Protein backbone atom coordinates (compact mmCIF):
# COMPACT_ATOMS: atom_id res chain seq x y z
CA MET A 1 -80.29 58.37 70.55
CA ALA A 2 -79.19 55.05 69.05
CA LYS A 3 -81.36 53.40 66.45
CA ASN A 4 -82.73 49.95 67.06
CA ASN A 5 -82.24 47.15 64.54
CA ALA A 6 -85.57 47.71 62.78
CA GLN A 7 -84.82 51.42 62.36
CA ARG A 8 -81.38 50.69 60.91
CA GLN A 9 -82.88 48.20 58.46
CA ALA A 10 -85.59 50.66 57.40
CA ALA A 11 -82.97 53.37 56.80
CA TYR A 12 -80.83 50.97 54.76
CA ARG A 13 -83.80 49.96 52.61
CA ALA A 14 -84.79 53.59 52.03
CA ARG A 15 -81.23 54.48 50.98
CA HIS A 16 -81.00 51.46 48.73
CA LEU A 17 -84.19 52.34 46.85
CA LYS A 18 -82.97 55.91 46.35
CA ASP A 19 -79.85 54.52 44.66
CA LEU A 20 -82.12 53.18 41.91
CA ASP A 21 -83.55 56.60 41.01
CA GLY A 22 -86.77 55.77 42.80
CA GLN A 23 -87.45 52.93 40.37
CA GLY A 24 -86.61 50.08 42.73
CA GLU A 25 -89.04 47.96 44.68
CA ARG A 26 -88.30 45.29 47.22
CA LEU A 27 -89.19 41.69 46.54
CA ASN A 28 -89.04 39.34 49.51
CA LEU A 29 -89.63 35.68 48.79
CA VAL A 30 -88.46 32.18 49.49
CA ILE A 31 -87.37 30.09 46.52
CA ASP A 32 -86.25 26.52 46.05
CA LEU A 33 -82.61 25.92 47.02
CA HIS A 34 -81.80 24.51 43.57
CA ALA A 35 -83.22 27.62 41.89
CA LYS A 36 -81.19 29.88 44.18
CA ARG A 37 -77.99 28.00 43.43
CA ALA A 38 -78.76 28.18 39.70
CA ILE A 39 -79.20 31.96 39.96
CA GLU A 40 -75.89 32.23 41.80
CA ARG A 41 -74.08 30.08 39.20
CA LEU A 42 -75.58 32.03 36.30
CA ALA A 43 -74.53 35.31 37.92
CA VAL A 44 -70.95 34.11 38.30
CA CYS A 45 -70.90 32.67 34.78
CA TYR A 46 -72.03 35.95 33.20
CA GLY A 47 -70.21 38.25 35.63
CA VAL A 48 -73.35 39.99 36.85
CA THR A 49 -75.33 40.10 40.09
CA PRO A 50 -78.12 37.68 41.02
CA LYS A 51 -80.48 40.67 40.75
CA ASP A 52 -79.36 41.19 37.14
CA ILE A 53 -79.99 37.52 36.33
CA ILE A 54 -83.50 37.60 37.79
CA GLU A 55 -84.38 40.85 36.03
CA ARG A 56 -83.09 39.59 32.67
CA LEU A 57 -84.91 36.27 32.99
CA VAL A 58 -88.20 37.89 33.94
CA LEU A 59 -88.02 40.54 31.22
CA GLY A 60 -87.06 37.86 28.69
CA ALA A 61 -90.06 35.75 29.70
CA GLN A 62 -92.25 38.82 29.34
CA ARG A 63 -90.90 39.42 25.81
CA VAL A 64 -91.71 35.83 24.85
CA THR A 65 -95.19 36.15 26.35
CA LEU A 66 -95.88 39.43 24.55
CA ASP A 67 -94.72 37.90 21.26
CA ARG A 68 -97.14 35.05 21.80
CA ALA A 69 -99.89 37.44 22.90
CA ALA A 70 -99.43 39.41 19.68
CA THR A 71 -100.95 36.46 17.81
CA LEU A 72 -104.23 36.91 19.71
CA PRO A 73 -106.85 39.62 19.29
CA LYS A 74 -106.20 42.17 22.04
CA GLY A 75 -103.47 39.87 23.37
CA ALA A 76 -101.12 42.59 24.62
CA ASP A 77 -104.00 44.55 26.16
CA ASP A 78 -105.23 41.40 27.90
CA TYR A 79 -101.71 40.71 29.19
CA TYR A 80 -101.23 44.18 30.65
CA ASP A 81 -104.74 44.14 32.13
CA GLY A 82 -104.12 40.75 33.78
CA ARG A 83 -106.71 38.90 31.70
CA LEU A 84 -104.39 36.78 29.55
CA ARG A 85 -103.99 33.19 30.76
CA PHE A 86 -101.52 30.64 29.46
CA GLY A 87 -100.88 27.27 31.06
CA TYR A 88 -98.16 26.86 33.65
CA ASP A 89 -96.43 24.26 31.47
CA ASP A 90 -95.98 26.96 28.81
CA VAL A 91 -93.70 29.06 31.06
CA THR A 92 -90.44 27.58 29.83
CA GLN A 93 -91.41 27.00 26.22
């Protein structure tokens, strides 16, 4: 029996996650057009995929945050437990 579109998509997603040794998770979101184009340009510039750009940016931001958290008592613990709060304007600094 032929699969319907939803079944084909579900199978594709399941196969795709297996390709990542079970470590992958889907992230579905809508972002600003300018941000999307910037991701695409960065990916081309560095010869990597948009996924690589996003992962590197997020992990880099986490490194910066953890470095900053290290200056606070229990900063890293608070970060990992979701209790650490910095201002939104601090994201890019």
